[in-house]
Amino acid sequence: MCGLRFSAQRYHVYEVTSPKLLEIFPQERLNQEIFCSGFYGSKKGLFDEERRNWLIEQLRAGEAEIVYPMAVDQPLLNYMMMRSNFSIYNLALQLPKEERTGCCVTSPHFQALDNILYDQGKRLTYLHYIGLSSSLFTRLCSGENLDFPYRDIFLHYRYL
């Protein structure tokens, strides 16, 4: 499963060796709330100027040490959502086990039927193009003939 659900994957969101991490977020929240920013949505204006300034103050006061520095948006989005105590709905954790599927484009075992992907007979909730550069999609949509997993399905939905 592609969702950030296992402890090893916290390494890509937070600096797990920082003693401050568990002072800021209890272990239970780390286990339940970390999400993959590849499938993130919120309502407009969720982070107003006052909230953003408060978060920046917390980071400047030393909380920046818990944010994993080698990724782009994922650590910051997780920190901002969790530190603001906003509600987080993580499909990877909250769907019933019998409805969960994989989601990573790097999974070669998905089956395509009528432009829909299935994982062991279960329809995928979404396909995460993890590790593929946005420039690849720009080039493809500009007419360049490029190959990547499930390209034809991407093109089908892109040009509906």
Protein backbone atom coordinates (compact mmCIF):
# COMPACT_ATOMS: atom_id res chain seq x y z
CA MET A 1 0.00 0.00 0.00
CA CYS A 2 1.31 3.39 -0.93
CA GLY A 3 -0.17 5.36 1.98
CA LEU A 4 2.21 6.49 4.71
CA ARG A 5 1.08 3.97 7.20
CA PHE A 6 4.13 2.09 8.45
CA SER A 7 6.67 3.47 10.91
CA ALA A 8 9.57 3.24 8.46
CA GLN A 9 7.83 5.72 6.19
CA ARG A 10 7.71 8.37 8.92
CA TYR A 11 11.35 8.91 8.02
CA HIS A 12 10.15 10.78 4.91
CA VAL A 13 7.95 13.16 6.91
CA TYR A 14 9.57 13.72 10.29
CA GLU A 15 13.04 13.48 11.80
CA VAL A 16 12.26 10.48 13.98
CA THR A 17 15.50 10.87 15.95
CA SER A 18 14.52 14.33 17.22
CA PRO A 19 13.56 14.26 20.91
CA LYS A 20 11.10 17.08 20.18
CA LEU A 21 9.01 14.94 17.86
CA LEU A 22 7.17 13.08 20.62
CA GLU A 23 6.88 16.29 22.65
CA ILE A 24 4.93 17.88 19.80
CA PHE A 25 3.00 14.89 18.47
CA PRO A 26 2.05 11.84 20.54
CA GLN A 27 2.94 8.47 19.01
CA GLU A 28 -0.74 7.69 18.39
CA ARG A 29 -1.12 10.77 16.18
CA LEU A 30 2.03 9.85 14.24
CA ASN A 31 0.59 6.38 13.68
CA GLN A 32 -2.82 7.62 12.54
CA GLU A 33 -2.44 11.01 10.88
CA ILE A 34 0.59 11.00 8.59
CA PHE A 35 -0.65 11.12 5.01
CA CYS A 36 0.72 11.02 1.50
CA SER A 37 0.70 14.50 -0.02
CA GLY A 38 0.29 13.00 -3.48
CA PHE A 39 -3.43 12.76 -2.70
CA TYR A 40 -4.14 15.85 -0.62
CA GLY A 41 -7.06 18.22 -0.75
CA SER A 42 -8.50 20.88 1.52
CA LYS A 43 -10.92 23.72 1.42
CA LYS A 44 -9.71 27.07 0.13
CA GLY A 45 -8.34 29.41 2.80
CA LEU A 46 -7.67 26.69 5.36
CA PHE A 47 -4.31 28.26 6.19
CA ASP A 48 -5.11 31.93 6.59
CA GLU A 49 -2.37 34.48 7.23
CA GLU A 50 -2.71 34.28 11.00
CA ARG A 51 -2.40 30.47 10.97
CA ARG A 52 0.60 30.60 8.59
CA ASN A 53 2.37 33.17 10.78
CA TRP A 54 1.74 31.05 13.88
CA LEU A 55 3.16 27.96 12.16
CA ILE A 56 6.24 29.91 11.05
CA GLU A 57 6.74 31.09 14.64
CA GLN A 58 6.63 27.49 15.88
CA LEU A 59 9.17 26.42 13.27
CA ARG A 60 11.49 29.31 14.13
CA ALA A 61 11.16 28.47 17.83
CA GLY A 62 12.80 25.10 17.18
CA GLU A 63 10.12 22.86 15.77
CA ALA A 64 11.80 22.91 12.36
CA GLU A 65 14.14 20.23 13.67
CA ILE A 66 11.33 17.64 13.49
CA VAL A 67 10.57 18.29 9.80
CA TYR A 68 12.34 15.94 7.41
CA PRO A 69 14.49 18.20 5.18
CA MET A 70 15.03 15.95 2.16
CA ALA A 71 11.49 16.06 0.75
CA VAL A 72 9.54 18.95 -0.69
CA ASP A 73 5.88 19.36 0.24
CA GLN A 74 5.03 16.20 2.14
CA PRO A 75 6.77 17.02 5.45
CA LEU A 76 5.44 20.58 5.47
CA LEU A 77 1.86 19.64 4.65
CA ASN A 78 1.87 16.96 7.33
CA TYR A 79 3.38 19.34 9.89
CA MET A 80 0.96 22.15 9.01
CA MET A 81 -2.12 19.91 9.21
CA MET A 82 -1.08 18.06 12.35
CA ARG A 83 0.24 21.11 14.21
CA SER A 84 -2.97 22.99 13.42
CA ASN A 85 -5.01 20.06 14.75
CA PHE A 86 -7.06 19.96 11.57
CA SER A 87 -9.06 16.86 10.80
CA ILE A 88 -7.20 14.42 8.55
CA TYR A 89 -8.90 11.64 6.61
CA ASN A 90 -6.36 9.12 5.35
CA LEU A 91 -7.82 6.63 2.88
CA ALA A 92 -4.91 4.28 3.48
CA LEU A 93 -5.90 3.98 7.14
CA GLN A 94 -9.62 4.62 7.26
CA LEU A 95 -11.07 2.51 4.48
CA PRO A 96 -12.16 -0.93 5.70
CA LYS A 97 -9.43 -3.52 5.06
CA GLU A 98 -11.57 -5.30 2.49
CA GLU A 99 -11.78 -2.07 0.44
CA ARG A 100 -8.10 -1.06 0.60
CA THR A 101 -5.93 -1.35 -2.47
CA GLY A 102 -2.47 -0.40 -3.54
CA CYS A 103 -2.05 2.94 -5.28
CA CYS A 104 1.57 3.31 -6.47
CA VAL A 105 2.18 3.60 -10.19
CA THR A 106 5.30 1.48 -9.63
CA SER A 107 3.14 -1.55 -8.76
CA PRO A 108 3.23 -3.71 -11.89
CA HIS A 109 0.48 -6.14 -10.84
CA PHE A 110 -2.59 -3.91 -11.33
CA GLN A 111 -5.02 -5.15 -13.93
CA ALA A 112 -6.66 -2.75 -16.40
CA LEU A 113 -10.22 -3.31 -17.53
CA ASP A 114 -12.14 -0.63 -19.46
CA ASN A 115 -9.63 2.04 -18.37
CA ILE A 116 -10.05 1.19 -14.69
CA LEU A 117 -7.27 -0.36 -12.61
CA TYR A 118 -7.88 -3.22 -10.20
CA ASP A 119 -5.73 -4.61 -7.41
CA GLN A 120 -6.60 -8.26 -6.82
CA GLY A 121 -10.13 -7.65 -8.07
CA LYS A 122 -10.68 -4.42 -6.10
CA ARG A 123 -11.04 -1.14 -7.96
CA LEU A 124 -8.26 1.33 -7.13
CA THR A 125 -9.37 4.41 -5.21
CA TYR A 126 -6.65 6.45 -6.91
CA LEU A 127 -3.34 5.98 -8.71
CA HIS A 128 -0.36 7.79 -7.20
CA TYR A 129 2.27 8.72 -9.78
CA ILE A 130 4.97 8.65 -7.11
CA GLY A 131 8.47 9.23 -8.40
CA LEU A 132 7.39 10.52 -11.81
CA SER A 133 8.36 14.09 -12.56
CA SER A 134 5.66 16.58 -13.50
CA SER A 135 7.82 17.44 -16.51
CA LEU A 136 7.15 13.94 -17.84
CA PHE A 137 3.43 14.70 -17.97
CA THR A 138 4.06 18.11 -19.55
CA ARG A 139 6.16 16.51 -22.27
CA LEU A 140 3.63 13.71 -22.82
CA CYS A 141 0.72 16.15 -23.08
CA SER A 142 2.75 18.22 -25.55
CA GLY A 143 2.80 15.24 -27.89
CA GLU A 144 6.06 13.50 -27.01
CA ASN A 145 5.78 9.71 -27.13
CA LEU A 146 6.92 8.63 -23.66
CA ASP A 147 6.38 5.38 -21.83
CA PHE A 148 5.61 4.89 -18.15
CA PRO A 149 3.36 2.51 -16.21
CA TYR A 150 -0.35 2.84 -16.95
CA ARG A 151 0.30 5.62 -19.48
CA ASP A 152 -2.70 4.73 -21.63
CA ILE A 153 -5.04 5.01 -18.66
CA PHE A 154 -3.57 8.39 -17.76
CA LEU A 155 -4.10 9.59 -21.33
CA HIS A 156 -7.66 8.27 -21.37
CA TYR A 157 -8.67 10.33 -18.33
CA ARG A 158 -6.55 13.33 -19.30
CA TYR A 159 -8.39 13.72 -22.58
CA LEU A 160 -11.97 12.73 -21.64
